[in-house]
Amino acid sequence: MKNRLSYKNILLLILFISILFFYSYTSPLFAGSALLSWNAPSTNEDGTPLTDLAGYKIYYGTATGN
């Protein structure tokens, strides 16, 4: 009987740890947000009107430069 009880406790512990692990990665507490804004350029560096802008490149990551 003792072996059966300890086996049940081990299974409950594994289940509890699994739920805790899963919740920690799906919890909204780890969510973040960012507000991005910029002024679109209208002139080149030499002062001439900018007429050939095809789009913007936006880079994102968890650290600067990544």
PDB file of N, CA and C in Angstrom:
ATOM      1  N   MET A   1       0.821  -1.194   0.000  1.00  0.00           N
ATOM      2  CA  MET A   1       0.000   0.000   0.000  1.00  0.00           C
ATOM      3  C   MET A   1       0.868   1.262   0.000  1.00  0.00           C
ATOM      4  N   LYS A   2       1.973   1.226   0.721  1.00  0.00           N
ATOM      5  CA  LYS A   2       2.845   2.388   0.781  1.00  0.00           C
ATOM      6  C   LYS A   2       3.439   2.708  -0.594  1.00  0.00           C
ATOM      7  N   ASN A   3       3.839   1.697  -1.358  1.00  0.00           N
ATOM      8  CA  ASN A   3       4.385   1.932  -2.692  1.00  0.00           C
ATOM      9  C   ASN A   3       3.357   2.576  -3.605  1.00  0.00           C
ATOM     10  N   ARG A   4       2.124   2.160  -3.495  1.00  0.00           N
ATOM     11  CA  ARG A   4       1.073   2.716  -4.327  1.00  0.00           C
ATOM     12  C   ARG A   4       0.828   4.185  -3.974  1.00  0.00           C
ATOM     13  N   LEU A   5       0.878   4.517  -2.707  1.00  0.00           N
ATOM     14  CA  LEU A   5       0.668   5.882  -2.272  1.00  0.00           C
ATOM     15  C   LEU A   5       1.806   6.791  -2.722  1.00  0.00           C
ATOM     16  N   SER A   6       3.022   6.354  -2.604  1.00  0.00           N
ATOM     17  CA  SER A   6       4.146   7.186  -3.030  1.00  0.00           C
ATOM     18  C   SER A   6       4.156   7.338  -4.552  1.00  0.00           C
ATOM     19  N   TYR A   7       3.766   6.321  -5.272  1.00  0.00           N
ATOM     20  CA  TYR A   7       3.673   6.405  -6.730  1.00  0.00           C
ATOM     21  C   TYR A   7       2.628   7.452  -7.114  1.00  0.00           C
ATOM     22  N   LYS A   8       1.516   7.477  -6.406  1.00  0.00           N
ATOM     23  CA  LYS A   8       0.465   8.448  -6.675  1.00  0.00           C
ATOM     24  C   LYS A   8       0.971   9.864  -6.372  1.00  0.00           C
ATOM     25  N   ASN A   9       1.711  10.018  -5.291  1.00  0.00           N
ATOM     26  CA  ASN A   9       2.251  11.334  -4.945  1.00  0.00           C
ATOM     27  C   ASN A   9       3.244  11.823  -5.997  1.00  0.00           C
ATOM     28  N   ILE A  10       4.045  10.912  -6.501  1.00  0.00           N
ATOM     29  CA  ILE A  10       5.006  11.284  -7.550  1.00  0.00           C
ATOM     30  C   ILE A  10       4.270  11.726  -8.805  1.00  0.00           C
ATOM     31  N   LEU A  11       3.231  11.026  -9.184  1.00  0.00           N
ATOM     32  CA  LEU A  11       2.452  11.419 -10.356  1.00  0.00           C
ATOM     33  C   LEU A  11       1.789  12.778 -10.155  1.00  0.00           C
ATOM     34  N   LEU A  12       1.260  13.017  -8.962  1.00  0.00           N
ATOM     35  CA  LEU A  12       0.653  14.316  -8.685  1.00  0.00           C
ATOM     36  C   LEU A  12       1.688  15.444  -8.732  1.00  0.00           C
ATOM     37  N   LEU A  13       2.863  15.170  -8.214  1.00  0.00           N
ATOM     38  CA  LEU A  13       3.930  16.168  -8.255  1.00  0.00           C
ATOM     39  C   LEU A  13       4.342  16.475  -9.698  1.00  0.00           C
ATOM     40  N   ILE A  14       4.480  15.466 -10.510  1.00  0.00           N
ATOM     41  CA  ILE A  14       4.825  15.666 -11.927  1.00  0.00           C
ATOM     42  C   ILE A  14       3.730  16.444 -12.632  1.00  0.00           C
ATOM     43  N   LEU A  15       2.476  16.133 -12.349  1.00  0.00           N
ATOM     44  CA  LEU A  15       1.357  16.853 -12.951  1.00  0.00           C
ATOM     45  C   LEU A  15       1.376  18.324 -12.525  1.00  0.00           C
ATOM     46  N   PHE A  16       1.593  18.581 -11.242  1.00  0.00           N
ATOM     47  CA  PHE A  16       1.640  19.943 -10.734  1.00  0.00           C
ATOM     48  C   PHE A  16       2.772  20.739 -11.386  1.00  0.00           C
ATOM     49  N   ILE A  17       3.937  20.167 -11.478  1.00  0.00           N
ATOM     50  CA  ILE A  17       5.081  20.848 -12.091  1.00  0.00           C
ATOM     51  C   ILE A  17       4.816  21.106 -13.573  1.00  0.00           C
ATOM     52  N   SER A  18       4.194  20.154 -14.252  1.00  0.00           N
ATOM     53  CA  SER A  18       3.877  20.334 -15.672  1.00  0.00           C
ATOM     54  C   SER A  18       2.897  21.480 -15.874  1.00  0.00           C
ATOM     55  N   ILE A  19       1.882  21.542 -15.033  1.00  0.00           N
ATOM     56  CA  ILE A  19       0.898  22.629 -15.139  1.00  0.00           C
ATOM     57  C   ILE A  19       1.558  23.969 -14.836  1.00  0.00           C
ATOM     58  N   LEU A  20       2.379  24.018 -13.818  1.00  0.00           N
ATOM     59  CA  LEU A  20       3.077  25.245 -13.456  1.00  0.00           C
ATOM     60  C   LEU A  20       4.004  25.699 -14.583  1.00  0.00           C
ATOM     61  N   PHE A  21       4.728  24.776 -15.179  1.00  0.00           N
ATOM     62  CA  PHE A  21       5.631  25.079 -16.286  1.00  0.00           C
ATOM     63  C   PHE A  21       4.853  25.602 -17.487  1.00  0.00           C
ATOM     64  N   PHE A  22       3.749  24.936 -17.831  1.00  0.00           N
ATOM     65  CA  PHE A  22       2.934  25.352 -18.964  1.00  0.00           C
ATOM     66  C   PHE A  22       2.341  26.732 -18.719  1.00  0.00           C
ATOM     67  N   TYR A  23       1.833  26.969 -17.523  1.00  0.00           N
ATOM     68  CA  TYR A  23       1.209  28.249 -17.211  1.00  0.00           C
ATOM     69  C   TYR A  23       2.224  29.390 -17.254  1.00  0.00           C
ATOM     70  N   SER A  24       3.433  29.128 -16.815  1.00  0.00           N
ATOM     71  CA  SER A  24       4.432  30.198 -16.791  1.00  0.00           C
ATOM     72  C   SER A  24       4.791  30.672 -18.193  1.00  0.00           C
ATOM     73  N   TYR A  25       4.667  29.819 -19.210  1.00  0.00           N
ATOM     74  CA  TYR A  25       4.985  30.223 -20.577  1.00  0.00           C
ATOM     75  C   TYR A  25       3.784  30.740 -21.336  1.00  0.00           C
ATOM     76  N   THR A  26       2.576  30.552 -20.830  1.00  0.00           N
ATOM     77  CA  THR A  26       1.392  31.052 -21.519  1.00  0.00           C
ATOM     78  C   THR A  26       0.734  32.180 -20.753  1.00  0.00           C
ATOM     79  N   SER A  27       1.295  32.554 -19.633  1.00  0.00           N
ATOM     80  CA  SER A  27       0.719  33.592 -18.786  1.00  0.00           C
ATOM     81  C   SER A  27       0.873  34.961 -19.445  1.00  0.00           C
ATOM     82  N   PRO A  28      -0.150  35.792 -19.343  1.00  0.00           N
ATOM     83  CA  PRO A  28      -0.036  37.138 -19.892  1.00  0.00           C
ATOM     84  C   PRO A  28       0.956  38.013 -19.126  1.00  0.00           C
ATOM     85  N   LEU A  29       1.450  37.548 -17.996  1.00  0.00           N
ATOM     86  CA  LEU A  29       2.423  38.325 -17.247  1.00  0.00           C
ATOM     87  C   LEU A  29       3.735  38.494 -18.006  1.00  0.00           C
ATOM     88  N   PHE A  30       3.997  37.619 -18.962  1.00  0.00           N
ATOM     89  CA  PHE A  30       5.227  37.674 -19.726  1.00  0.00           C
ATOM     90  C   PHE A  30       5.045  38.406 -21.054  1.00  0.00           C
ATOM     91  N   ALA A  31       3.863  38.938 -21.293  1.00  0.00           N
ATOM     92  CA  ALA A  31       3.603  39.647 -22.541  1.00  0.00           C
ATOM     93  C   ALA A  31       4.166  41.053 -22.459  1.00  0.00           C
ATOM     94  N   GLY A  32       4.518  41.600 -23.574  1.00  0.00           N
ATOM     95  CA  GLY A  32       5.025  42.960 -23.624  1.00  0.00           C
ATOM     96  C   GLY A  32       4.400  43.704 -24.780  1.00  0.00           C
ATOM     97  N   SER A  33       4.596  44.969 -24.797  1.00  0.00           N
ATOM     98  CA  SER A  33       4.073  45.756 -25.902  1.00  0.00           C
ATOM     99  C   SER A  33       5.036  46.910 -26.182  1.00  0.00           C
ATOM    100  N   ALA A  34       4.918  47.443 -27.358  1.00  0.00           N
ATOM    101  CA  ALA A  34       5.758  48.569 -27.752  1.00  0.00           C
ATOM    102  C   ALA A  34       4.945  49.482 -28.661  1.00  0.00           C
ATOM    103  N   LEU A  35       5.187  50.740 -28.549  1.00  0.00           N
ATOM    104  CA  LEU A  35       4.550  51.725 -29.410  1.00  0.00           C
ATOM    105  C   LEU A  35       5.626  52.305 -30.317  1.00  0.00           C
ATOM    106  N   LEU A  36       5.422  52.162 -31.607  1.00  0.00           N
ATOM    107  CA  LEU A  36       6.402  52.658 -32.580  1.00  0.00           C
ATOM    108  C   LEU A  36       5.815  53.840 -33.322  1.00  0.00           C
ATOM    109  N   SER A  37       6.649  54.836 -33.548  1.00  0.00           N
ATOM    110  CA  SER A  37       6.223  55.966 -34.365  1.00  0.00           C
ATOM    111  C   SER A  37       7.452  56.602 -34.998  1.00  0.00           C
ATOM    112  N   TRP A  38       7.261  57.250 -36.108  1.00  0.00           N
ATOM    113  CA  TRP A  38       8.343  57.955 -36.784  1.00  0.00           C
ATOM    114  C   TRP A  38       7.751  58.948 -37.752  1.00  0.00           C
ATOM    115  N   ASN A  39       8.555  59.888 -38.125  1.00  0.00           N
ATOM    116  CA  ASN A  39       8.172  60.851 -39.156  1.00  0.00           C
ATOM    117  C   ASN A  39       8.794  60.388 -40.459  1.00  0.00           C
ATOM    118  N   ALA A  40       7.971  60.217 -41.462  1.00  0.00           N
ATOM    119  CA  ALA A  40       8.459  59.761 -42.760  1.00  0.00           C
ATOM    120  C   ALA A  40       9.369  60.827 -43.365  1.00  0.00           C
ATOM    121  N   PRO A  41      10.500  60.414 -43.897  1.00  0.00           N
ATOM    122  CA  PRO A  41      11.395  61.399 -44.512  1.00  0.00           C
ATOM    123  C   PRO A  41      10.795  61.961 -45.798  1.00  0.00           C
ATOM    124  N   SER A  42      11.076  63.222 -46.051  1.00  0.00           N
ATOM    125  CA  SER A  42      10.580  63.842 -47.289  1.00  0.00           C
ATOM    126  C   SER A  42      11.712  64.369 -48.159  1.00  0.00           C
ATOM    127  N   THR A  43      12.918  64.381 -47.603  1.00  0.00           N
ATOM    128  CA  THR A  43      14.072  64.841 -48.374  1.00  0.00           C
ATOM    129  C   THR A  43      15.241  63.882 -48.182  1.00  0.00           C
ATOM    130  N   ASN A  44      16.116  63.859 -49.178  1.00  0.00           N
ATOM    131  CA  ASN A  44      17.359  63.102 -49.079  1.00  0.00           C
ATOM    132  C   ASN A  44      18.326  63.849 -48.167  1.00  0.00           C
ATOM    133  N   GLU A  45      19.441  63.237 -47.857  1.00  0.00           N
ATOM    134  CA  GLU A  45      20.436  63.875 -46.989  1.00  0.00           C
ATOM    135  C   GLU A  45      21.001  65.156 -47.596  1.00  0.00           C
ATOM    136  N   ASP A  46      21.013  65.231 -48.925  1.00  0.00           N
ATOM    137  CA  ASP A  46      21.552  66.437 -49.574  1.00  0.00           C
ATOM    138  C   ASP A  46      20.491  67.531 -49.745  1.00  0.00           C
ATOM    139  N   GLY A  47      19.267  67.309 -49.245  1.00  0.00           N
ATOM    140  CA  GLY A  47      18.215  68.321 -49.307  1.00  0.00           C
ATOM    141  C   GLY A  47      17.286  68.206 -50.492  1.00  0.00           C
ATOM    142  N   THR A  48      17.576  67.339 -51.450  1.00  0.00           N
ATOM    143  CA  THR A  48      16.698  67.171 -52.601  1.00  0.00           C
ATOM    144  C   THR A  48      15.451  66.377 -52.184  1.00  0.00           C
ATOM    145  N   PRO A  49      14.341  66.603 -52.900  1.00  0.00           N
ATOM    146  CA  PRO A  49      13.105  65.894 -52.545  1.00  0.00           C
ATOM    147  C   PRO A  49      13.261  64.367 -52.677  1.00  0.00           C
ATOM    148  N   LEU A  50      12.704  63.652 -51.759  1.00  0.00           N
ATOM    149  CA  LEU A  50      12.741  62.193 -51.772  1.00  0.00           C
ATOM    150  C   LEU A  50      11.588  61.686 -52.629  1.00  0.00           C
ATOM    151  N   THR A  51      11.922  61.056 -53.744  1.00  0.00           N
ATOM    152  CA  THR A  51      10.876  60.612 -54.674  1.00  0.00           C
ATOM    153  C   THR A  51      10.898  59.110 -54.918  1.00  0.00           C
ATOM    154  N   ASP A  52      11.919  58.417 -54.426  1.00  0.00           N
ATOM    155  CA  ASP A  52      12.045  56.998 -54.754  1.00  0.00           C
ATOM    156  C   ASP A  52      11.987  56.069 -53.531  1.00  0.00           C
ATOM    157  N   LEU A  53      11.320  56.509 -52.473  1.00  0.00           N
ATOM    158  CA  LEU A  53      11.210  55.679 -51.271  1.00  0.00           C
ATOM    159  C   LEU A  53      10.264  54.514 -51.554  1.00  0.00           C
ATOM    160  N   ALA A  54      10.756  53.288 -51.416  1.00  0.00           N
ATOM    161  CA  ALA A  54       9.953  52.108 -51.735  1.00  0.00           C
ATOM    162  C   ALA A  54       9.298  51.491 -50.502  1.00  0.00           C
ATOM    163  N   GLY A  55       9.754  51.828 -49.307  1.00  0.00           N
ATOM    164  CA  GLY A  55       9.168  51.250 -48.098  1.00  0.00           C
ATOM    165  C   GLY A  55      10.104  51.408 -46.919  1.00  0.00           C
ATOM    166  N   TYR A  56       9.766  50.718 -45.857  1.00  0.00           N
ATOM    167  CA  TYR A  56      10.564  50.760 -44.627  1.00  0.00           C
ATOM    168  C   TYR A  56      10.940  49.341 -44.234  1.00  0.00           C
ATOM    169  N   LYS A  57      12.028  49.204 -43.537  1.00  0.00           N
ATOM    170  CA  LYS A  57      12.415  47.927 -42.949  1.00  0.00           C
ATOM    171  C   LYS A  57      12.312  48.076 -41.439  1.00  0.00           C
ATOM    172  N   ILE A  58      11.590  47.171 -40.818  1.00  0.00           N
ATOM    173  CA  ILE A  58      11.436  47.187 -39.367  1.00  0.00           C
ATOM    174  C   ILE A  58      12.056  45.920 -38.828  1.00  0.00           C
ATOM    175  N   TYR A  59      12.999  46.049 -37.939  1.00  0.00           N
ATOM    176  CA  TYR A  59      13.661  44.912 -37.306  1.00  0.00           C
ATOM    177  C   TYR A  59      13.172  44.807 -35.870  1.00  0.00           C
ATOM    178  N   TYR A  60      13.018  43.587 -35.408  1.00  0.00           N
ATOM    179  CA  TYR A  60      12.592  43.405 -34.020  1.00  0.00           C
ATOM    180  C   TYR A  60      13.295  42.213 -33.415  1.00  0.00           C
ATOM    181  N   GLY A  61      13.367  42.173 -32.129  1.00  0.00           N
ATOM    182  CA  GLY A  61      14.016  41.076 -31.420  1.00  0.00           C
ATOM    183  C   GLY A  61      13.949  41.327 -29.928  1.00  0.00           C
ATOM    184  N   THR A  62      14.584  40.465 -29.177  1.00  0.00           N
ATOM    185  CA  THR A  62      14.543  40.573 -27.734  1.00  0.00           C
ATOM    186  C   THR A  62      15.703  41.394 -27.182  1.00  0.00           C
ATOM    187  N   ALA A  63      16.645  41.761 -28.032  1.00  0.00           N
ATOM    188  CA  ALA A  63      17.776  42.578 -27.595  1.00  0.00           C
ATOM    189  C   ALA A  63      18.148  43.541 -28.710  1.00  0.00           C
ATOM    190  N   THR A  64      18.801  44.607 -28.350  1.00  0.00           N
ATOM    191  CA  THR A  64      19.209  45.608 -29.328  1.00  0.00           C
ATOM    192  C   THR A  64      20.125  44.970 -30.383  1.00  0.00           C
ATOM    193  N   GLY A  65      19.828  45.242 -31.643  1.00  0.00           N
ATOM    194  CA  GLY A  65      20.645  44.729 -32.729  1.00  0.00           C
ATOM    195  C   GLY A  65      20.270  43.327 -33.200  1.00  0.00           C
ATOM    196  N   ASN A  66      19.311  42.714 -32.578  1.00  0.00           N
ATOM    197  CA  ASN A  66      18.876  41.359 -32.983  1.00  0.00           C
ATOM    198  C   ASN A  66      17.530  41.412 -33.653  1.00  0.00           C
TER     199      ASN A  66
END
